[in-house]
Amino acid sequence: MDKEMMEFFFKIHNGDFRGGPGSDISTEKAYNIAKKFLGKNISVLDIGAGSGFQTKALKILVDGKIIALDTTEIYLEKIKKEIGVETVNCSMYNLDRSFRHNTFNLIWSEGAIYIMGLANGLKHWKLFLKKGGIISFSHISWIQDNPSMELLDYWEANYPQIRTLDENKKIIDEGGYEIKDYFILPSTDWTENYYDDMADRLKELEKRELSEKEKMVINMHWEEIEIYKKYGEYYGYVFFIISPK
């Protein structure tokens, strides 16, 4: 996207609703699994925190300190003001710039590891885990076989790295991790907790006079919603709770 399109993207995703599929219920479910393997007074790094919906849920759940990491300052300011946890403006690619190795008991990331790629993200983030630490993250996967050509074409254009659940499990294993548990986010995490709010925002913005590029961004979002309505049973976010072997 060029500058105009990115600025309009952030008018859509201004932090009033989630930046991706998820829910407080799913965050709590994943955390309750992770905490079985953790002690008290833990240190948590929330990577790709976005506007902080999961950070807010974690603050209620966690016995310890949370640091929210992102590169979008408007989100970090929102987190500091509304949630009151420490924030760091840093790329997930360059954690060395802000943190020492072996720093965190729990690394958390909802819907963001795709930015680095699953294998690369897990390789880099492992360095910052304390011994006995946990990484808990959600990541897109094919969850049903034989998707349509329309759906394949959509993902090829938008995220060609999408893999099956079994392929992602293999990447985790080959990265030197043990899967403690995992679960697939329910469809309501996509619809009621994300796309319904997004659709309301799109309708609100469509009342304005829009440039051609802004219309393109609007249409990209409508396409995403429609694809999920048609084919959502074929793909989903899988929440993994893993630890180094």
C-alpha atoms as a PDB file:
ATOM      1  CA  MET A   1       0.000   0.000   0.000  1.00  0.00           C
ATOM      2  CA  ASP A   2       1.119   3.560  -0.640  1.00  0.00           C
ATOM      3  CA  LYS A   3       0.949   6.320   1.984  1.00  0.00           C
ATOM      4  CA  GLU A   4      -2.620   7.389   1.157  1.00  0.00           C
ATOM      5  CA  MET A   5      -3.893   3.829   1.361  1.00  0.00           C
ATOM      6  CA  MET A   6      -2.052   3.158   4.626  1.00  0.00           C
ATOM      7  CA  GLU A   7      -3.456   6.306   6.207  1.00  0.00           C
ATOM      8  CA  PHE A   8      -6.955   5.246   5.217  1.00  0.00           C
ATOM      9  CA  PHE A   9      -6.279   1.716   6.482  1.00  0.00           C
ATOM     10  CA  PHE A  10      -5.656   3.220   9.920  1.00  0.00           C
ATOM     11  CA  LYS A  11      -8.908   5.176   9.674  1.00  0.00           C
ATOM     12  CA  ILE A  12     -10.599   1.787   9.425  1.00  0.00           C
ATOM     13  CA  HIS A  13      -8.396   0.138  12.053  1.00  0.00           C
ATOM     14  CA  ASN A  14      -8.219   3.043  14.487  1.00  0.00           C
ATOM     15  CA  GLY A  15      -8.288   0.845  17.588  1.00  0.00           C
ATOM     16  CA  ASP A  16     -12.006   0.957  18.328  1.00  0.00           C
ATOM     17  CA  PHE A  17     -12.328  -2.734  17.457  1.00  0.00           C
ATOM     18  CA  ARG A  18      -9.986  -5.703  17.289  1.00  0.00           C
ATOM     19  CA  GLY A  19      -7.254  -5.752  14.695  1.00  0.00           C
ATOM     20  CA  GLY A  20      -7.937  -9.392  13.868  1.00  0.00           C
ATOM     21  CA  PRO A  21      -9.946 -12.441  14.876  1.00  0.00           C
ATOM     22  CA  GLY A  22      -9.950 -13.221  18.590  1.00  0.00           C
ATOM     23  CA  SER A  23     -11.827 -12.767  21.846  1.00  0.00           C
ATOM     24  CA  ASP A  24     -11.272 -12.358  25.557  1.00  0.00           C
ATOM     25  CA  ILE A  25     -12.573 -15.914  25.942  1.00  0.00           C
ATOM     26  CA  SER A  26      -9.915 -17.337  23.607  1.00  0.00           C
ATOM     27  CA  THR A  27      -7.171 -15.251  25.222  1.00  0.00           C
ATOM     28  CA  GLU A  28      -8.199 -16.519  28.645  1.00  0.00           C
ATOM     29  CA  LYS A  29      -8.418 -20.113  27.417  1.00  0.00           C
ATOM     30  CA  ALA A  30      -4.889 -19.960  25.977  1.00  0.00           C
ATOM     31  CA  TYR A  31      -3.505 -18.242  29.056  1.00  0.00           C
ATOM     32  CA  ASN A  32      -5.049 -20.798  31.411  1.00  0.00           C
ATOM     33  CA  ILE A  33      -3.239 -23.509  29.460  1.00  0.00           C
ATOM     34  CA  ALA A  34       0.059 -21.604  29.488  1.00  0.00           C
ATOM     35  CA  LYS A  35      -0.034 -20.787  33.197  1.00  0.00           C
ATOM     36  CA  LYS A  36       0.010 -24.499  34.075  1.00  0.00           C
ATOM     37  CA  PHE A  37       3.666 -24.437  33.013  1.00  0.00           C
ATOM     38  CA  LEU A  38       4.590 -21.093  34.580  1.00  0.00           C
ATOM     39  CA  GLY A  39       5.216 -19.799  38.060  1.00  0.00           C
ATOM     40  CA  LYS A  40       4.089 -16.586  39.705  1.00  0.00           C
ATOM     41  CA  ASN A  41       5.278 -13.024  39.123  1.00  0.00           C
ATOM     42  CA  ILE A  42       6.099 -13.730  35.489  1.00  0.00           C
ATOM     43  CA  SER A  43       7.364 -11.422  32.751  1.00  0.00           C
ATOM     44  CA  VAL A  44       5.282 -11.289  29.564  1.00  0.00           C
ATOM     45  CA  LEU A  45       6.051  -9.801  26.148  1.00  0.00           C
ATOM     46  CA  ASP A  46       2.986  -9.193  23.954  1.00  0.00           C
ATOM     47  CA  ILE A  47       4.412  -9.061  20.414  1.00  0.00           C
ATOM     48  CA  GLY A  48       2.368  -7.272  17.763  1.00  0.00           C
ATOM     49  CA  ALA A  49       0.057  -5.923  20.441  1.00  0.00           C
ATOM     50  CA  GLY A  50      -1.899  -3.721  18.042  1.00  0.00           C
ATOM     51  CA  SER A  51      -4.598  -1.731  19.804  1.00  0.00           C
ATOM     52  CA  GLY A  52      -4.290  -3.961  22.847  1.00  0.00           C
ATOM     53  CA  PHE A  53      -7.522  -5.922  23.191  1.00  0.00           C
ATOM     54  CA  GLN A  54      -5.627  -9.060  24.211  1.00  0.00           C
ATOM     55  CA  THR A  55      -3.243  -6.952  26.319  1.00  0.00           C
ATOM     56  CA  LYS A  56      -6.200  -5.715  28.323  1.00  0.00           C
ATOM     57  CA  ALA A  57      -7.392  -9.285  28.872  1.00  0.00           C
ATOM     58  CA  LEU A  58      -3.899 -10.410  29.860  1.00  0.00           C
ATOM     59  CA  LYS A  59      -3.544  -7.618  32.398  1.00  0.00           C
ATOM     60  CA  ILE A  60      -6.494  -9.099  34.311  1.00  0.00           C
ATOM     61  CA  LEU A  61      -5.122 -12.629  34.073  1.00  0.00           C
ATOM     62  CA  VAL A  62      -1.374 -12.278  34.554  1.00  0.00           C
ATOM     63  CA  ASP A  63       0.429 -12.364  37.884  1.00  0.00           C
ATOM     64  CA  GLY A  64       3.428 -10.317  36.824  1.00  0.00           C
ATOM     65  CA  LYS A  65       4.599  -7.649  34.385  1.00  0.00           C
ATOM     66  CA  ILE A  66       3.430  -7.196  30.783  1.00  0.00           C
ATOM     67  CA  ILE A  67       5.248  -5.280  28.052  1.00  0.00           C
ATOM     68  CA  ALA A  68       3.276  -4.534  24.866  1.00  0.00           C
ATOM     69  CA  LEU A  69       5.363  -4.310  21.697  1.00  0.00           C
ATOM     70  CA  ASP A  70       4.314  -2.820  18.361  1.00  0.00           C
ATOM     71  CA  THR A  71       5.564  -0.371  15.734  1.00  0.00           C
ATOM     72  CA  THR A  72       2.372   1.714  15.468  1.00  0.00           C
ATOM     73  CA  GLU A  73       2.627   4.584  17.911  1.00  0.00           C
ATOM     74  CA  ILE A  74      -1.101   5.403  17.941  1.00  0.00           C
ATOM     75  CA  TYR A  75      -1.765   1.891  19.242  1.00  0.00           C
ATOM     76  CA  LEU A  76       0.982   2.084  21.836  1.00  0.00           C
ATOM     77  CA  GLU A  77      -0.323   5.422  23.119  1.00  0.00           C
ATOM     78  CA  LYS A  78      -3.800   3.890  23.407  1.00  0.00           C
ATOM     79  CA  ILE A  79      -2.416   0.942  25.389  1.00  0.00           C
ATOM     80  CA  LYS A  80      -0.454   3.195  27.752  1.00  0.00           C
ATOM     81  CA  LYS A  81      -3.442   5.467  28.338  1.00  0.00           C
ATOM     82  CA  GLU A  82      -6.242   2.927  28.572  1.00  0.00           C
ATOM     83  CA  ILE A  83      -4.534  -0.218  29.901  1.00  0.00           C
ATOM     84  CA  GLY A  84      -1.553   1.161  31.756  1.00  0.00           C
ATOM     85  CA  VAL A  85       1.129  -1.361  30.843  1.00  0.00           C
ATOM     86  CA  GLU A  86       4.634  -0.614  29.606  1.00  0.00           C
ATOM     87  CA  THR A  87       4.964  -0.268  25.840  1.00  0.00           C
ATOM     88  CA  VAL A  88       7.936  -0.520  23.499  1.00  0.00           C
ATOM     89  CA  ASN A  89       8.035   0.691  19.898  1.00  0.00           C
ATOM     90  CA  CYS A  90      10.184  -1.991  18.306  1.00  0.00           C
ATOM     91  CA  SER A  91      10.025  -4.364  15.365  1.00  0.00           C
ATOM     92  CA  MET A  92       9.504  -8.027  16.192  1.00  0.00           C
ATOM     93  CA  TYR A  93      12.471  -8.646  13.854  1.00  0.00           C
ATOM     94  CA  ASN A  94      14.828  -6.702  16.114  1.00  0.00           C
ATOM     95  CA  LEU A  95      14.052  -7.606  19.705  1.00  0.00           C
ATOM     96  CA  ASP A  96      17.787  -7.376  20.446  1.00  0.00           C
ATOM     97  CA  ARG A  97      17.489  -3.594  20.244  1.00  0.00           C
ATOM     98  CA  SER A  98      15.231  -3.472  23.284  1.00  0.00           C
ATOM     99  CA  PHE A  99      15.677  -6.674  25.273  1.00  0.00           C
ATOM    100  CA  ARG A 100      18.313  -9.049  26.536  1.00  0.00           C
ATOM    101  CA  HIS A 101      18.167 -12.742  25.830  1.00  0.00           C
ATOM    102  CA  ASN A 102      16.486 -14.993  28.418  1.00  0.00           C
ATOM    103  CA  THR A 103      14.210 -12.196  29.632  1.00  0.00           C
ATOM    104  CA  PHE A 104      10.598 -13.418  29.441  1.00  0.00           C
ATOM    105  CA  ASN A 105       8.653 -16.290  30.967  1.00  0.00           C
ATOM    106  CA  LEU A 106       5.890 -15.897  28.402  1.00  0.00           C
ATOM    107  CA  ILE A 107       5.942 -14.525  24.858  1.00  0.00           C
ATOM    108  CA  TRP A 108       2.433 -13.830  23.577  1.00  0.00           C
ATOM    109  CA  SER A 109       1.348 -12.990  20.040  1.00  0.00           C
ATOM    110  CA  GLU A 110      -2.161 -13.040  18.597  1.00  0.00           C
ATOM    111  CA  GLY A 111      -2.334 -13.084  14.815  1.00  0.00           C
ATOM    112  CA  ALA A 112       1.040 -11.400  14.249  1.00  0.00           C
ATOM    113  CA  ILE A 113       3.731 -14.063  13.797  1.00  0.00           C
ATOM    114  CA  TYR A 114       2.810 -14.327  10.096  1.00  0.00           C
ATOM    115  CA  ILE A 115       4.686 -11.030   9.605  1.00  0.00           C
ATOM    116  CA  MET A 116       8.005 -12.810  10.203  1.00  0.00           C
ATOM    117  CA  GLY A 117       6.842 -16.216   9.067  1.00  0.00           C
ATOM    118  CA  LEU A 118       6.235 -19.009  11.548  1.00  0.00           C
ATOM    119  CA  ALA A 119       9.678 -20.628  11.390  1.00  0.00           C
ATOM    120  CA  ASN A 120      11.593 -17.334  11.506  1.00  0.00           C
ATOM    121  CA  GLY A 121       9.472 -15.932  14.307  1.00  0.00           C
ATOM    122  CA  LEU A 122       9.885 -18.960  16.515  1.00  0.00           C
ATOM    123  CA  LYS A 123      13.633 -19.095  15.869  1.00  0.00           C
ATOM    124  CA  HIS A 124      14.157 -15.435  16.786  1.00  0.00           C
ATOM    125  CA  TRP A 125      11.761 -15.257  19.737  1.00  0.00           C
ATOM    126  CA  LYS A 126      13.177 -18.366  21.414  1.00  0.00           C
ATOM    127  CA  LEU A 127      16.307 -16.382  22.311  1.00  0.00           C
ATOM    128  CA  PHE A 128      14.282 -14.137  24.607  1.00  0.00           C
ATOM    129  CA  LEU A 129      12.596 -16.885  26.618  1.00  0.00           C
ATOM    130  CA  LYS A 130      13.779 -17.813  30.082  1.00  0.00           C
ATOM    131  CA  LYS A 131      14.375 -21.488  30.780  1.00  0.00           C
ATOM    132  CA  GLY A 132      11.005 -23.207  31.086  1.00  0.00           C
ATOM    133  CA  GLY A 133       9.316 -20.374  29.205  1.00  0.00           C
ATOM    134  CA  ILE A 134       6.266 -20.568  26.965  1.00  0.00           C
ATOM    135  CA  ILE A 135       5.334 -19.037  23.634  1.00  0.00           C
ATOM    136  CA  SER A 136       1.595 -18.691  23.083  1.00  0.00           C
ATOM    137  CA  PHE A 137       0.442 -17.476  19.676  1.00  0.00           C
ATOM    138  CA  SER A 138      -2.387 -17.689  17.157  1.00  0.00           C
ATOM    139  CA  HIS A 139      -1.625 -18.327  13.509  1.00  0.00           C
ATOM    140  CA  ILE A 140      -3.612 -18.880  10.327  1.00  0.00           C
ATOM    141  CA  SER A 141      -3.948 -22.483   9.091  1.00  0.00           C
ATOM    142  CA  TRP A 142      -5.923 -24.522   6.634  1.00  0.00           C
ATOM    143  CA  ILE A 143      -8.266 -26.553   8.829  1.00  0.00           C
ATOM    144  CA  GLN A 144     -10.167 -28.446   6.133  1.00  0.00           C
ATOM    145  CA  ASP A 145      -9.058 -30.145   2.921  1.00  0.00           C
ATOM    146  CA  ASN A 146      -9.974 -29.349  -0.677  1.00  0.00           C
ATOM    147  CA  PRO A 147     -10.572 -25.583  -0.656  1.00  0.00           C
ATOM    148  CA  SER A 148     -12.109 -24.085  -3.797  1.00  0.00           C
ATOM    149  CA  MET A 149     -10.018 -22.448  -6.497  1.00  0.00           C
ATOM    150  CA  GLU A 150     -11.538 -19.068  -5.587  1.00  0.00           C
ATOM    151  CA  LEU A 151     -10.337 -19.469  -2.018  1.00  0.00           C
ATOM    152  CA  LEU A 152      -6.900 -20.710  -3.084  1.00  0.00           C
ATOM    153  CA  ASP A 153      -6.527 -17.729  -5.403  1.00  0.00           C
ATOM    154  CA  TYR A 154      -7.519 -15.352  -2.605  1.00  0.00           C
ATOM    155  CA  TRP A 155      -4.904 -16.694  -0.202  1.00  0.00           C
ATOM    156  CA  GLU A 156      -2.268 -16.911  -2.923  1.00  0.00           C
ATOM    157  CA  ALA A 157      -2.764 -13.185  -3.476  1.00  0.00           C
ATOM    158  CA  ASN A 158      -2.911 -12.236   0.198  1.00  0.00           C
ATOM    159  CA  TYR A 159      -0.809 -14.734   2.166  1.00  0.00           C
ATOM    160  CA  PRO A 160       0.679 -17.512   0.024  1.00  0.00           C
ATOM    161  CA  GLN A 161       2.570 -18.867   3.066  1.00  0.00           C
ATOM    162  CA  ILE A 162      -0.629 -20.277   4.597  1.00  0.00           C
ATOM    163  CA  ARG A 163      -0.101 -23.937   5.552  1.00  0.00           C
ATOM    164  CA  THR A 164      -2.173 -26.805   6.885  1.00  0.00           C
ATOM    165  CA  LEU A 165      -2.444 -27.458  10.591  1.00  0.00           C
ATOM    166  CA  ASP A 166      -0.209 -30.519  10.252  1.00  0.00           C
ATOM    167  CA  GLU A 167       2.388 -28.539   8.295  1.00  0.00           C
ATOM    168  CA  ASN A 168       2.444 -25.850  10.983  1.00  0.00           C
ATOM    169  CA  LYS A 169       2.826 -28.508  13.676  1.00  0.00           C
ATOM    170  CA  LYS A 170       5.820 -29.841  11.752  1.00  0.00           C
ATOM    171  CA  ILE A 171       7.382 -26.371  11.538  1.00  0.00           C
ATOM    172  CA  ILE A 172       6.975 -26.008  15.306  1.00  0.00           C
ATOM    173  CA  ASP A 173       8.544 -29.422  15.929  1.00  0.00           C
ATOM    174  CA  GLU A 174      11.457 -28.788  13.563  1.00  0.00           C
ATOM    175  CA  GLY A 175      11.992 -25.422  15.264  1.00  0.00           C
ATOM    176  CA  GLY A 176      12.807 -27.259  18.479  1.00  0.00           C
ATOM    177  CA  TYR A 177       9.507 -26.824  20.292  1.00  0.00           C
ATOM    178  CA  GLU A 178       7.045 -29.093  22.037  1.00  0.00           C
ATOM    179  CA  ILE A 179       3.344 -28.335  21.587  1.00  0.00           C
ATOM    180  CA  LYS A 180       1.756 -28.261  25.028  1.00  0.00           C
ATOM    181  CA  ASP A 181      -1.726 -27.751  23.590  1.00  0.00           C
ATOM    182  CA  TYR A 182      -3.611 -26.000  20.806  1.00  0.00           C
ATOM    183  CA  PHE A 183      -7.148 -25.121  19.784  1.00  0.00           C
ATOM    184  CA  ILE A 184      -8.927 -23.551  16.808  1.00  0.00           C
ATOM    185  CA  LEU A 185     -10.563 -20.197  17.409  1.00  0.00           C
ATOM    186  CA  PRO A 186     -14.359 -20.390  17.061  1.00  0.00           C
ATOM    187  CA  SER A 187     -16.076 -18.731  14.113  1.00  0.00           C
ATOM    188  CA  THR A 188     -17.529 -16.074  16.436  1.00  0.00           C
ATOM    189  CA  ASP A 189     -13.970 -14.808  16.998  1.00  0.00           C
ATOM    190  CA  TRP A 190     -14.026 -13.892  13.306  1.00  0.00           C
ATOM    191  CA  THR A 191     -17.619 -12.682  12.964  1.00  0.00           C
ATOM    192  CA  GLU A 192     -19.040 -11.209  16.177  1.00  0.00           C
ATOM    193  CA  ASN A 193     -15.666 -10.069  17.501  1.00  0.00           C
ATOM    194  CA  TYR A 194     -14.092  -8.760  14.290  1.00  0.00           C
ATOM    195  CA  TYR A 195     -15.939  -8.667  10.983  1.00  0.00           C
ATOM    196  CA  ASP A 196     -19.230  -7.330  12.368  1.00  0.00           C
ATOM    197  CA  ASP A 197     -17.406  -4.323  13.829  1.00  0.00           C
ATOM    198  CA  MET A 198     -15.343  -3.935  10.674  1.00  0.00           C
ATOM    199  CA  ALA A 199     -18.478  -3.925   8.510  1.00  0.00           C
ATOM    200  CA  ASP A 200     -20.007  -1.179  10.652  1.00  0.00           C
ATOM    201  CA  ARG A 201     -16.862   0.923  10.197  1.00  0.00           C
ATOM    202  CA  LEU A 202     -16.814   0.355   6.437  1.00  0.00           C
ATOM    203  CA  LYS A 203     -20.467   1.427   6.104  1.00  0.00           C
ATOM    204  CA  GLU A 204     -19.738   4.549   8.150  1.00  0.00           C
ATOM    205  CA  LEU A 205     -16.758   5.488   5.952  1.00  0.00           C
ATOM    206  CA  GLU A 206     -18.661   4.803   2.727  1.00  0.00           C
ATOM    207  CA  LYS A 207     -20.960   7.725   3.592  1.00  0.00           C
ATOM    208  CA  ARG A 208     -18.017  10.049   2.921  1.00  0.00           C
ATOM    209  CA  GLU A 209     -16.635  11.198  -0.405  1.00  0.00           C
ATOM    210  CA  LEU A 210     -13.759   8.795  -1.050  1.00  0.00           C
ATOM    211  CA  SER A 211     -10.812   8.794  -3.423  1.00  0.00           C
ATOM    212  CA  GLU A 212     -10.270   5.882  -5.772  1.00  0.00           C
ATOM    213  CA  LYS A 213      -7.497   4.520  -3.568  1.00  0.00           C
ATOM    214  CA  GLU A 214      -9.698   4.747  -0.487  1.00  0.00           C
ATOM    215  CA  LYS A 215     -12.421   2.860  -2.343  1.00  0.00           C
ATOM    216  CA  MET A 216      -9.853   0.179  -3.174  1.00  0.00           C
ATOM    217  CA  VAL A 217      -9.029  -0.229   0.518  1.00  0.00           C
ATOM    218  CA  ILE A 218     -12.736  -0.437   1.378  1.00  0.00           C
ATOM    219  CA  ASN A 219     -13.272  -3.091  -1.300  1.00  0.00           C
ATOM    220  CA  MET A 220     -10.308  -5.135  -0.052  1.00  0.00           C
ATOM    221  CA  HIS A 221     -11.958  -5.316   3.361  1.00  0.00           C
ATOM    222  CA  TRP A 222     -15.367  -6.249   1.955  1.00  0.00           C
ATOM    223  CA  GLU A 223     -13.718  -9.008  -0.082  1.00  0.00           C
ATOM    224  CA  GLU A 224     -12.070 -10.373   3.054  1.00  0.00           C
ATOM    225  CA  ILE A 225     -15.409 -10.454   4.860  1.00  0.00           C
ATOM    226  CA  GLU A 226     -17.200 -12.124   1.953  1.00  0.00           C
ATOM    227  CA  ILE A 227     -14.507 -14.762   1.522  1.00  0.00           C
ATOM    228  CA  TYR A 228     -14.868 -15.756   5.166  1.00  0.00           C
ATOM    229  CA  LYS A 229     -18.656 -15.901   4.865  1.00  0.00           C
ATOM    230  CA  LYS A 230     -18.321 -18.298   1.931  1.00  0.00           C
ATOM    231  CA  TYR A 231     -15.336 -20.401   2.988  1.00  0.00           C
ATOM    232  CA  GLY A 232     -14.631 -19.821   6.668  1.00  0.00           C
ATOM    233  CA  GLU A 233     -14.871 -23.510   7.500  1.00  0.00           C
ATOM    234  CA  TYR A 234     -11.700 -24.135   5.482  1.00  0.00           C
ATOM    235  CA  TYR A 235      -9.308 -21.885   7.379  1.00  0.00           C
ATOM    236  CA  GLY A 236      -8.922 -20.393  10.829  1.00  0.00           C
ATOM    237  CA  TYR A 237      -6.612 -19.194  13.529  1.00  0.00           C
ATOM    238  CA  VAL A 238      -5.056 -21.914  15.638  1.00  0.00           C
ATOM    239  CA  PHE A 239      -3.865 -20.952  19.125  1.00  0.00           C
ATOM    240  CA  PHE A 240      -0.658 -22.833  19.958  1.00  0.00           C
ATOM    241  CA  ILE A 241       0.902 -23.062  23.413  1.00  0.00           C
ATOM    242  CA  ILE A 242       4.486 -24.308  22.991  1.00  0.00           C
ATOM    243  CA  SER A 243       7.824 -24.535  24.807  1.00  0.00           C
ATOM    244  CA  PRO A 244      11.407 -25.242  23.727  1.00  0.00           C
ATOM    245  CA  LYS A 245      12.327 -28.918  23.942  1.00  0.00           C
END
